[in-house]
Amino acid sequence: MYRLTGWSPDELIGKPASDIYVQPEDREKLLAELSKNGFLRDYEILMKKKDGTQTYESLMASILTDPDGRACGISGTLRDITERKQVEKERQQNFER
């Protein structure tokens, strides 16, 4: 997370997760989808870096469960796809011209 967004673990602990989303309601959508399926693959989200710039991320995540099968956390990885999204946007603009 630090490498992608500039937020250190200490800065994120205790901070509402919705603060790192460009649109805080995206967090609720993500959690709803994760609850429904138990996992996410290539889920695209727009996040805020510590310096305020926006970055597109692709999330792979799954729900962690305790020995009794109850949800107790989320494990996942983020991949920066900002450059790919910019290329896609440029291609679309060129196509429209």
PDB file of N, CA and C in Angstrom:
ATOM      1  N   MET A   1       0.827  -1.190   0.000  1.00  0.00           N
ATOM      2  CA  MET A   1       0.000   0.000   0.000  1.00  0.00           C
ATOM      3  C   MET A   1       0.876   1.260   0.000  1.00  0.00           C
ATOM      4  N   TYR A   2       1.959   1.224   0.802  1.00  0.00           N
ATOM      5  CA  TYR A   2       2.844   2.382   0.858  1.00  0.00           C
ATOM      6  C   TYR A   2       3.446   2.675  -0.509  1.00  0.00           C
ATOM      7  N   ARG A   3       3.918   1.636  -1.176  1.00  0.00           N
ATOM      8  CA  ARG A   3       4.553   1.815  -2.487  1.00  0.00           C
ATOM      9  C   ARG A   3       3.572   2.397  -3.505  1.00  0.00           C
ATOM     10  N   LEU A   4       2.312   2.013  -3.407  1.00  0.00           N
ATOM     11  CA  LEU A   4       1.328   2.470  -4.390  1.00  0.00           C
ATOM     12  C   LEU A   4       0.716   3.830  -4.065  1.00  0.00           C
ATOM     13  N   THR A   5       0.546   4.112  -2.780  1.00  0.00           N
ATOM     14  CA  THR A   5      -0.193   5.318  -2.408  1.00  0.00           C
ATOM     15  C   THR A   5       0.579   6.322  -1.560  1.00  0.00           C
ATOM     16  N   GLY A   6       1.703   5.896  -0.977  1.00  0.00           N
ATOM     17  CA  GLY A   6       2.456   6.795  -0.116  1.00  0.00           C
ATOM     18  C   GLY A   6       1.999   6.781   1.337  1.00  0.00           C
ATOM     19  N   TRP A   7       0.901   6.086   1.631  1.00  0.00           N
ATOM     20  CA  TRP A   7       0.417   5.988   3.012  1.00  0.00           C
ATOM     21  C   TRP A   7       1.189   4.879   3.721  1.00  0.00           C
ATOM     22  N   SER A   8       1.807   5.186   4.849  1.00  0.00           N
ATOM     23  CA  SER A   8       2.502   4.165   5.630  1.00  0.00           C
ATOM     24  C   SER A   8       1.482   3.393   6.469  1.00  0.00           C
ATOM     25  N   PRO A   9       1.842   2.192   6.912  1.00  0.00           N
ATOM     26  CA  PRO A   9       0.916   1.435   7.765  1.00  0.00           C
ATOM     27  C   PRO A   9       0.495   2.225   9.008  1.00  0.00           C
ATOM     28  N   ASP A  10       1.436   2.926   9.644  1.00  0.00           N
ATOM     29  CA  ASP A  10       1.097   3.702  10.841  1.00  0.00           C
ATOM     30  C   ASP A  10       0.087   4.806  10.542  1.00  0.00           C
ATOM     31  N   GLU A  11       0.162   5.384   9.361  1.00  0.00           N
ATOM     32  CA  GLU A  11      -0.779   6.450   8.998  1.00  0.00           C
ATOM     33  C   GLU A  11      -2.166   5.895   8.703  1.00  0.00           C
ATOM     34  N   LEU A  12      -2.230   4.652   8.269  1.00  0.00           N
ATOM     35  CA  LEU A  12      -3.521   4.058   7.909  1.00  0.00           C
ATOM     36  C   LEU A  12      -4.233   3.419   9.087  1.00  0.00           C
ATOM     37  N   ILE A  13      -3.485   2.961  10.071  1.00  0.00           N
ATOM     38  CA  ILE A  13      -4.102   2.322  11.236  1.00  0.00           C
ATOM     39  C   ILE A  13      -4.964   3.347  11.963  1.00  0.00           C
ATOM     40  N   GLY A  14      -6.219   3.004  12.137  1.00  0.00           N
ATOM     41  CA  GLY A  14      -7.161   3.889  12.808  1.00  0.00           C
ATOM     42  C   GLY A  14      -7.821   4.905  11.890  1.00  0.00           C
ATOM     43  N   LYS A  15      -7.355   5.002  10.651  1.00  0.00           N
ATOM     44  CA  LYS A  15      -7.937   5.946   9.680  1.00  0.00           C
ATOM     45  C   LYS A  15      -9.096   5.243   8.982  1.00  0.00           C
ATOM     46  N   PRO A  16     -10.215   5.916   8.824  1.00  0.00           N
ATOM     47  CA  PRO A  16     -11.312   5.279   8.085  1.00  0.00           C
ATOM     48  C   PRO A  16     -10.867   4.912   6.672  1.00  0.00           C
ATOM     49  N   ALA A  17     -11.101   3.671   6.290  1.00  0.00           N
ATOM     50  CA  ALA A  17     -10.688   3.198   4.966  1.00  0.00           C
ATOM     51  C   ALA A  17     -11.311   4.038   3.861  1.00  0.00           C
ATOM     52  N   SER A  18     -12.501   4.554   4.106  1.00  0.00           N
ATOM     53  CA  SER A  18     -13.174   5.351   3.078  1.00  0.00           C
ATOM     54  C   SER A  18     -12.398   6.618   2.739  1.00  0.00           C
ATOM     55  N   ASP A  19     -11.482   7.063   3.609  1.00  0.00           N
ATOM     56  CA  ASP A  19     -10.693   8.272   3.347  1.00  0.00           C
ATOM     57  C   ASP A  19      -9.720   8.105   2.194  1.00  0.00           C
ATOM     58  N   ILE A  20      -9.383   6.883   1.830  1.00  0.00           N
ATOM     59  CA  ILE A  20      -8.422   6.682   0.746  1.00  0.00           C
ATOM     60  C   ILE A  20      -9.102   6.430  -0.597  1.00  0.00           C
ATOM     61  N   TYR A  21     -10.413   6.460  -0.604  1.00  0.00           N
ATOM     62  CA  TYR A  21     -11.172   6.296  -1.846  1.00  0.00           C
ATOM     63  C   TYR A  21     -11.554   7.668  -2.385  1.00  0.00           C
ATOM     64  N   VAL A  22     -11.468   7.857  -3.696  1.00  0.00           N
ATOM     65  CA  VAL A  22     -11.889   9.112  -4.311  1.00  0.00           C
ATOM     66  C   VAL A  22     -13.378   9.318  -4.057  1.00  0.00           C
ATOM     67  N   GLN A  23     -14.137   8.260  -4.202  1.00  0.00           N
ATOM     68  CA  GLN A  23     -15.572   8.286  -3.921  1.00  0.00           C
ATOM     69  C   GLN A  23     -15.831   7.299  -2.778  1.00  0.00           C
ATOM     70  N   PRO A  24     -16.017   7.804  -1.544  1.00  0.00           N
ATOM     71  CA  PRO A  24     -16.155   6.918  -0.389  1.00  0.00           C
ATOM     72  C   PRO A  24     -17.220   5.829  -0.543  1.00  0.00           C
ATOM     73  N   GLU A  25     -18.244   6.076  -1.332  1.00  0.00           N
ATOM     74  CA  GLU A  25     -19.277   5.047  -1.521  1.00  0.00           C
ATOM     75  C   GLU A  25     -18.742   3.823  -2.265  1.00  0.00           C
ATOM     76  N   ASP A  26     -17.598   3.976  -2.952  1.00  0.00           N
ATOM     77  CA  ASP A  26     -16.981   2.828  -3.624  1.00  0.00           C
ATOM     78  C   ASP A  26     -16.586   1.756  -2.623  1.00  0.00           C
ATOM     79  N   ARG A  27     -16.228   2.161  -1.416  1.00  0.00           N
ATOM     80  CA  ARG A  27     -15.868   1.198  -0.370  1.00  0.00           C
ATOM     81  C   ARG A  27     -17.061   0.312  -0.031  1.00  0.00           C
ATOM     82  N   GLU A  28     -18.228   0.910   0.075  1.00  0.00           N
ATOM     83  CA  GLU A  28     -19.437   0.132   0.387  1.00  0.00           C
ATOM     84  C   GLU A  28     -19.776  -0.837  -0.740  1.00  0.00           C
ATOM     85  N   LYS A  29     -19.620  -0.389  -1.977  1.00  0.00           N
ATOM     86  CA  LYS A  29     -19.866  -1.264  -3.125  1.00  0.00           C
ATOM     87  C   LYS A  29     -18.900  -2.434  -3.131  1.00  0.00           C
ATOM     88  N   LEU A  30     -17.633  -2.136  -2.852  1.00  0.00           N
ATOM     89  CA  LEU A  30     -16.608  -3.169  -2.802  1.00  0.00           C
ATOM     90  C   LEU A  30     -16.941  -4.200  -1.724  1.00  0.00           C
ATOM     91  N   LEU A  31     -17.294  -3.737  -0.528  1.00  0.00           N
ATOM     92  CA  LEU A  31     -17.620  -4.651   0.572  1.00  0.00           C
ATOM     93  C   LEU A  31     -18.868  -5.478   0.272  1.00  0.00           C
ATOM     94  N   ALA A  32     -19.848  -4.879  -0.374  1.00  0.00           N
ATOM     95  CA  ALA A  32     -21.062  -5.616  -0.736  1.00  0.00           C
ATOM     96  C   ALA A  32     -20.734  -6.733  -1.725  1.00  0.00           C
ATOM     97  N   GLU A  33     -19.912  -6.424  -2.707  1.00  0.00           N
ATOM     98  CA  GLU A  33     -19.523  -7.425  -3.707  1.00  0.00           C
ATOM     99  C   GLU A  33     -18.686  -8.529  -3.056  1.00  0.00           C
ATOM    100  N   LEU A  34     -17.809  -8.146  -2.172  1.00  0.00           N
ATOM    101  CA  LEU A  34     -16.979  -9.120  -1.468  1.00  0.00           C
ATOM    102  C   LEU A  34     -17.835 -10.022  -0.580  1.00  0.00           C
ATOM    103  N   SER A  35     -18.805  -9.452   0.113  1.00  0.00           N
ATOM    104  CA  SER A  35     -19.703 -10.246   0.953  1.00  0.00           C
ATOM    105  C   SER A  35     -20.542 -11.214   0.124  1.00  0.00           C
ATOM    106  N   LYS A  36     -20.965 -10.748  -1.024  1.00  0.00           N
ATOM    107  CA  LYS A  36     -21.817 -11.573  -1.901  1.00  0.00           C
ATOM    108  C   LYS A  36     -21.059 -12.783  -2.439  1.00  0.00           C
ATOM    109  N   ASN A  37     -19.818 -12.570  -2.894  1.00  0.00           N
ATOM    110  CA  ASN A  37     -19.063 -13.626  -3.571  1.00  0.00           C
ATOM    111  C   ASN A  37     -17.975 -14.277  -2.720  1.00  0.00           C
ATOM    112  N   GLY A  38     -17.544 -13.609  -1.656  1.00  0.00           N
ATOM    113  CA  GLY A  38     -16.465 -14.132  -0.832  1.00  0.00           C
ATOM    114  C   GLY A  38     -15.084 -13.796  -1.354  1.00  0.00           C
ATOM    115  N   PHE A  39     -15.010 -13.279  -2.573  1.00  0.00           N
ATOM    116  CA  PHE A  39     -13.731 -12.898  -3.169  1.00  0.00           C
ATOM    117  C   PHE A  39     -13.972 -11.888  -4.283  1.00  0.00           C
ATOM    118  N   LEU A  40     -12.913 -11.200  -4.654  1.00  0.00           N
ATOM    119  CA  LEU A  40     -12.934 -10.270  -5.783  1.00  0.00           C
ATOM    120  C   LEU A  40     -11.698 -10.517  -6.626  1.00  0.00           C
ATOM    121  N   ARG A  41     -11.849 -10.414  -7.927  1.00  0.00           N
ATOM    122  CA  ARG A  41     -10.721 -10.522  -8.845  1.00  0.00           C
ATOM    123  C   ARG A  41     -10.810  -9.378  -9.844  1.00  0.00           C
ATOM    124  N   ASP A  42      -9.703  -8.689 -10.038  1.00  0.00           N
ATOM    125  CA  ASP A  42      -9.629  -7.569 -10.986  1.00  0.00           C
ATOM    126  C   ASP A  42     -10.723  -6.532 -10.750  1.00  0.00           C
ATOM    127  N   TYR A  43     -10.957  -6.220  -9.507  1.00  0.00           N
ATOM    128  CA  TYR A  43     -11.950  -5.214  -9.128  1.00  0.00           C
ATOM    129  C   TYR A  43     -11.270  -3.849  -9.178  1.00  0.00           C
ATOM    130  N   GLU A  44     -11.733  -2.970 -10.052  1.00  0.00           N
ATOM    131  CA  GLU A  44     -11.099  -1.674 -10.262  1.00  0.00           C
ATOM    132  C   GLU A  44     -11.666  -0.619  -9.326  1.00  0.00           C
ATOM    133  N   ILE A  45     -10.746   0.103  -8.671  1.00  0.00           N
ATOM    134  CA  ILE A  45     -11.145   1.175  -7.762  1.00  0.00           C
ATOM    135  C   ILE A  45     -10.242   2.382  -7.985  1.00  0.00           C
ATOM    136  N   LEU A  46     -10.785   3.549  -7.717  1.00  0.00           N
ATOM    137  CA  LEU A  46     -10.046   4.800  -7.834  1.00  0.00           C
ATOM    138  C   LEU A  46      -9.712   5.257  -6.419  1.00  0.00           C
ATOM    139  N   MET A  47      -8.411   5.363  -6.133  1.00  0.00           N
ATOM    140  CA  MET A  47      -7.963   5.693  -4.788  1.00  0.00           C
ATOM    141  C   MET A  47      -7.199   7.014  -4.771  1.00  0.00           C
ATOM    142  N   LYS A  48      -7.052   7.557  -3.547  1.00  0.00           N
ATOM    143  CA  LYS A  48      -6.291   8.786  -3.355  1.00  0.00           C
ATOM    144  C   LYS A  48      -4.930   8.452  -2.778  1.00  0.00           C
ATOM    145  N   LYS A  49      -3.901   8.988  -3.411  1.00  0.00           N
ATOM    146  CA  LYS A  49      -2.566   8.881  -2.845  1.00  0.00           C
ATOM    147  C   LYS A  49      -2.454   9.886  -1.699  1.00  0.00           C
ATOM    148  N   LYS A  50      -1.426   9.727  -0.904  1.00  0.00           N
ATOM    149  CA  LYS A  50      -1.209  10.637   0.221  1.00  0.00           C
ATOM    150  C   LYS A  50      -1.078  12.082  -0.247  1.00  0.00           C
ATOM    151  N   ASP A  51      -0.484  12.286  -1.429  1.00  0.00           N
ATOM    152  CA  ASP A  51      -0.305  13.649  -1.949  1.00  0.00           C
ATOM    153  C   ASP A  51      -1.559  14.202  -2.619  1.00  0.00           C
ATOM    154  N   GLY A  52      -2.647  13.418  -2.603  1.00  0.00           N
ATOM    155  CA  GLY A  52      -3.919  13.883  -3.149  1.00  0.00           C
ATOM    156  C   GLY A  52      -4.186  13.468  -4.584  1.00  0.00           C
ATOM    157  N   THR A  53      -3.175  12.977  -5.297  1.00  0.00           N
ATOM    158  CA  THR A  53      -3.402  12.536  -6.666  1.00  0.00           C
ATOM    159  C   THR A  53      -4.224  11.243  -6.670  1.00  0.00           C
ATOM    160  N   GLN A  54      -4.844  10.980  -7.790  1.00  0.00           N
ATOM    161  CA  GLN A  54      -5.687   9.799  -7.926  1.00  0.00           C
ATOM    162  C   GLN A  54      -4.937   8.683  -8.631  1.00  0.00           C
ATOM    163  N   THR A  55      -5.227   7.466  -8.232  1.00  0.00           N
ATOM    164  CA  THR A  55      -4.602   6.310  -8.827  1.00  0.00           C
ATOM    165  C   THR A  55      -5.635   5.201  -9.003  1.00  0.00           C
ATOM    166  N   TYR A  56      -5.622   4.584 -10.174  1.00  0.00           N
ATOM    167  CA  TYR A  56      -6.500   3.438 -10.411  1.00  0.00           C
ATOM    168  C   TYR A  56      -5.788   2.179  -9.918  1.00  0.00           C
ATOM    169  N   GLU A  57      -6.514   1.370  -9.182  1.00  0.00           N
ATOM    170  CA  GLU A  57      -5.975   0.129  -8.648  1.00  0.00           C
ATOM    171  C   GLU A  57      -6.880  -1.029  -9.028  1.00  0.00           C
ATOM    172  N   SER A  58      -6.267  -2.183  -9.239  1.00  0.00           N
ATOM    173  CA  SER A  58      -6.997  -3.423  -9.455  1.00  0.00           C
ATOM    174  C   SER A  58      -6.820  -4.252  -8.187  1.00  0.00           C
ATOM    175  N   LEU A  59      -7.922  -4.657  -7.603  1.00  0.00           N
ATOM    176  CA  LEU A  59      -7.912  -5.366  -6.328  1.00  0.00           C
ATOM    177  C   LEU A  59      -8.255  -6.828  -6.516  1.00  0.00           C
ATOM    178  N   MET A  60      -7.483  -7.673  -5.848  1.00  0.00           N
ATOM    179  CA  MET A  60      -7.815  -9.086  -5.701  1.00  0.00           C
ATOM    180  C   MET A  60      -7.925  -9.297  -4.203  1.00  0.00           C
ATOM    181  N   ALA A  61      -9.066  -9.793  -3.722  1.00  0.00           N
ATOM    182  CA  ALA A  61      -9.258  -9.925  -2.279  1.00  0.00           C
ATOM    183  C   ALA A  61     -10.166 -11.105  -1.969  1.00  0.00           C
ATOM    184  N   SER A  62     -10.028 -11.580  -0.747  1.00  0.00           N
ATOM    185  CA  SER A  62     -10.922 -12.632  -0.264  1.00  0.00           C
ATOM    186  C   SER A  62     -11.169 -12.415   1.220  1.00  0.00           C
ATOM    187  N   ILE A  63     -12.277 -12.946   1.685  1.00  0.00           N
ATOM    188  CA  ILE A  63     -12.647 -12.841   3.091  1.00  0.00           C
ATOM    189  C   ILE A  63     -11.877 -13.894   3.881  1.00  0.00           C
ATOM    190  N   LEU A  64     -11.312 -13.485   5.001  1.00  0.00           N
ATOM    191  CA  LEU A  64     -10.650 -14.413   5.920  1.00  0.00           C
ATOM    192  C   LEU A  64     -11.680 -14.880   6.943  1.00  0.00           C
ATOM    193  N   THR A  65     -11.620 -16.126   7.309  1.00  0.00           N
ATOM    194  CA  THR A  65     -12.565 -16.657   8.298  1.00  0.00           C
ATOM    195  C   THR A  65     -11.813 -17.270   9.474  1.00  0.00           C
ATOM    196  N   ASP A  66     -12.467 -17.277  10.633  1.00  0.00           N
ATOM    197  CA  ASP A  66     -11.892 -17.911  11.816  1.00  0.00           C
ATOM    198  C   ASP A  66     -12.215 -19.409  11.778  1.00  0.00           C
ATOM    199  N   PRO A  67     -11.730 -20.176  12.735  1.00  0.00           N
ATOM    200  CA  PRO A  67     -11.994 -21.624  12.725  1.00  0.00           C
ATOM    201  C   PRO A  67     -13.474 -22.003  12.726  1.00  0.00           C
ATOM    202  N   ASP A  68     -14.320 -21.086  13.176  1.00  0.00           N
ATOM    203  CA  ASP A  68     -15.761 -21.350  13.177  1.00  0.00           C
ATOM    204  C   ASP A  68     -16.445 -20.925  11.887  1.00  0.00           C
ATOM    205  N   GLY A  69     -15.666 -20.425  10.931  1.00  0.00           N
ATOM    206  CA  GLY A  69     -16.226 -20.030   9.642  1.00  0.00           C
ATOM    207  C   GLY A  69     -16.765 -18.614   9.595  1.00  0.00           C
ATOM    208  N   ARG A  70     -16.555 -17.835  10.654  1.00  0.00           N
ATOM    209  CA  ARG A  70     -17.036 -16.454  10.681  1.00  0.00           C
ATOM    210  C   ARG A  70     -16.008 -15.524  10.051  1.00  0.00           C
ATOM    211  N   ALA A  71     -16.491 -14.541   9.317  1.00  0.00           N
ATOM    212  CA  ALA A  71     -15.589 -13.558   8.698  1.00  0.00           C
ATOM    213  C   ALA A  71     -14.832 -12.804   9.787  1.00  0.00           C
ATOM    214  N   CYS A  72     -13.515 -12.695   9.619  1.00  0.00           N
ATOM    215  CA  CYS A  72     -12.710 -11.992  10.617  1.00  0.00           C
ATOM    216  C   CYS A  72     -11.728 -11.007   9.984  1.00  0.00           C
ATOM    217  N   GLY A  73     -11.751 -10.890   8.666  1.00  0.00           N
ATOM    218  CA  GLY A  73     -10.853  -9.952   8.002  1.00  0.00           C
ATOM    219  C   GLY A  73     -10.884 -10.105   6.502  1.00  0.00           C
ATOM    220  N   ILE A  74     -10.040  -9.332   5.856  1.00  0.00           N
ATOM    221  CA  ILE A  74      -9.928  -9.356   4.396  1.00  0.00           C
ATOM    222  C   ILE A  74      -8.446  -9.414   4.044  1.00  0.00           C
ATOM    223  N   SER A  75      -8.108 -10.262   3.105  1.00  0.00           N
ATOM    224  CA  SER A  75      -6.748 -10.344   2.597  1.00  0.00           C
ATOM    225  C   SER A  75      -6.787 -10.002   1.112  1.00  0.00           C
ATOM    226  N   GLY A  76      -5.822  -9.217   0.673  1.00  0.00           N
ATOM    227  CA  GLY A  76      -5.846  -8.881  -0.741  1.00  0.00           C
ATOM    228  C   GLY A  76      -4.579  -8.212  -1.215  1.00  0.00           C
ATOM    229  N   THR A  77      -4.541  -7.977  -2.513  1.00  0.00           N
ATOM    230  CA  THR A  77      -3.424  -7.286  -3.140  1.00  0.00           C
ATOM    231  C   THR A  77      -3.964  -6.217  -4.080  1.00  0.00           C
ATOM    232  N   LEU A  78      -3.194  -5.163  -4.211  1.00  0.00           N
ATOM    233  CA  LEU A  78      -3.523  -4.077  -5.130  1.00  0.00           C
ATOM    234  C   LEU A  78      -2.472  -4.019  -6.214  1.00  0.00           C
ATOM    235  N   ARG A  79      -2.910  -3.668  -7.416  1.00  0.00           N
ATOM    236  CA  ARG A  79      -1.997  -3.475  -8.542  1.00  0.00           C
ATOM    237  C   ARG A  79      -2.347  -2.141  -9.178  1.00  0.00           C
ATOM    238  N   ASP A  80      -1.352  -1.297  -9.379  1.00  0.00           N
ATOM    239  CA  ASP A  80      -1.571   0.009  -9.994  1.00  0.00           C
ATOM    240  C   ASP A  80      -1.832  -0.173 -11.482  1.00  0.00           C
ATOM    241  N   ILE A  81      -2.999   0.280 -11.927  1.00  0.00           N
ATOM    242  CA  ILE A  81      -3.372   0.180 -13.344  1.00  0.00           C
ATOM    243  C   ILE A  81      -3.621   1.560 -13.945  1.00  0.00           C
ATOM    244  N   THR A  82      -3.082   2.593 -13.291  1.00  0.00           N
ATOM    245  CA  THR A  82      -3.306   3.968 -13.741  1.00  0.00           C
ATOM    246  C   THR A  82      -2.842   4.173 -15.173  1.00  0.00           C
ATOM    247  N   GLU A  83      -1.650   3.707 -15.498  1.00  0.00           N
ATOM    248  CA  GLU A  83      -1.115   3.890 -16.845  1.00  0.00           C
ATOM    249  C   GLU A  83      -2.008   3.197 -17.875  1.00  0.00           C
ATOM    250  N   ARG A  84      -2.445   1.991 -17.577  1.00  0.00           N
ATOM    251  CA  ARG A  84      -3.322   1.261 -18.502  1.00  0.00           C
ATOM    252  C   ARG A  84      -4.631   2.012 -18.713  1.00  0.00           C
ATOM    253  N   LYS A  85      -5.197   2.555 -17.642  1.00  0.00           N
ATOM    254  CA  LYS A  85      -6.457   3.304 -17.763  1.00  0.00           C
ATOM    255  C   LYS A  85      -6.254   4.562 -18.605  1.00  0.00           C
ATOM    256  N   GLN A  86      -5.112   5.220 -18.474  1.00  0.00           N
ATOM    257  CA  GLN A  86      -4.835   6.411 -19.273  1.00  0.00           C
ATOM    258  C   GLN A  86      -4.711   6.061 -20.753  1.00  0.00           C
ATOM    259  N   VAL A  87      -4.041   4.951 -21.051  1.00  0.00           N
ATOM    260  CA  VAL A  87      -3.908   4.493 -22.442  1.00  0.00           C
ATOM    261  C   VAL A  87      -5.282   4.164 -23.012  1.00  0.00           C
ATOM    262  N   GLU A  88      -6.113   3.483 -22.246  1.00  0.00           N
ATOM    263  CA  GLU A  88      -7.465   3.153 -22.697  1.00  0.00           C
ATOM    264  C   GLU A  88      -8.261   4.418 -22.997  1.00  0.00           C
ATOM    265  N   LYS A  89      -8.134   5.422 -22.132  1.00  0.00           N
ATOM    266  CA  LYS A  89      -8.845   6.687 -22.337  1.00  0.00           C
ATOM    267  C   LYS A  89      -8.373   7.377 -23.613  1.00  0.00           C
ATOM    268  N   GLU A  90      -7.052   7.399 -23.837  1.00  0.00           N
ATOM    269  CA  GLU A  90      -6.503   8.018 -25.046  1.00  0.00           C
ATOM    270  C   GLU A  90      -6.968   7.287 -26.294  1.00  0.00           C
ATOM    271  N   ARG A  91      -6.995   5.973 -26.249  1.00  0.00           N
ATOM    272  CA  ARG A  91      -7.476   5.191 -27.399  1.00  0.00           C
ATOM    273  C   ARG A  91      -8.935   5.506 -27.694  1.00  0.00           C
ATOM    274  N   GLN A  92      -9.739   5.611 -26.648  1.00  0.00           N
ATOM    275  CA  GLN A  92     -11.153   5.925 -26.841  1.00  0.00           C
ATOM    276  C   GLN A  92     -11.322   7.310 -27.450  1.00  0.00           C
ATOM    277  N   GLN A  93     -10.543   8.273 -26.961  1.00  0.00           N
ATOM    278  CA  GLN A  93     -10.613   9.628 -27.504  1.00  0.00           C
ATOM    279  C   GLN A  93     -10.189   9.647 -28.967  1.00  0.00           C
ATOM    280  N   ASN A  94      -9.142   8.918 -29.310  1.00  0.00           N
ATOM    281  CA  ASN A  94      -8.692   8.842 -30.699  1.00  0.00           C
ATOM    282  C   ASN A  94      -9.757   8.191 -31.572  1.00  0.00           C
ATOM    283  N   PHE A  95     -10.388   7.163 -31.074  1.00  0.00           N
ATOM    284  CA  PHE A  95     -11.450   6.473 -31.821  1.00  0.00           C
ATOM    285  C   PHE A  95     -12.613   7.429 -32.068  1.00  0.00           C
ATOM    286  N   GLU A  96     -12.981   8.205 -31.069  1.00  0.00           N
ATOM    287  CA  GLU A  96     -14.105   9.135 -31.197  1.00  0.00           C
ATOM    288  C   GLU A  96     -13.796  10.258 -32.180  1.00  0.00           C
ATOM    289  N   ARG A  97     -12.522  10.631 -32.307  1.00  0.00           N
ATOM    290  CA  ARG A  97     -12.144  11.680 -33.275  1.00  0.00           C
ATOM    291  C   ARG A  97     -12.238  11.125 -34.662  1.00  0.00           C
TER     292      ARG A  97
END
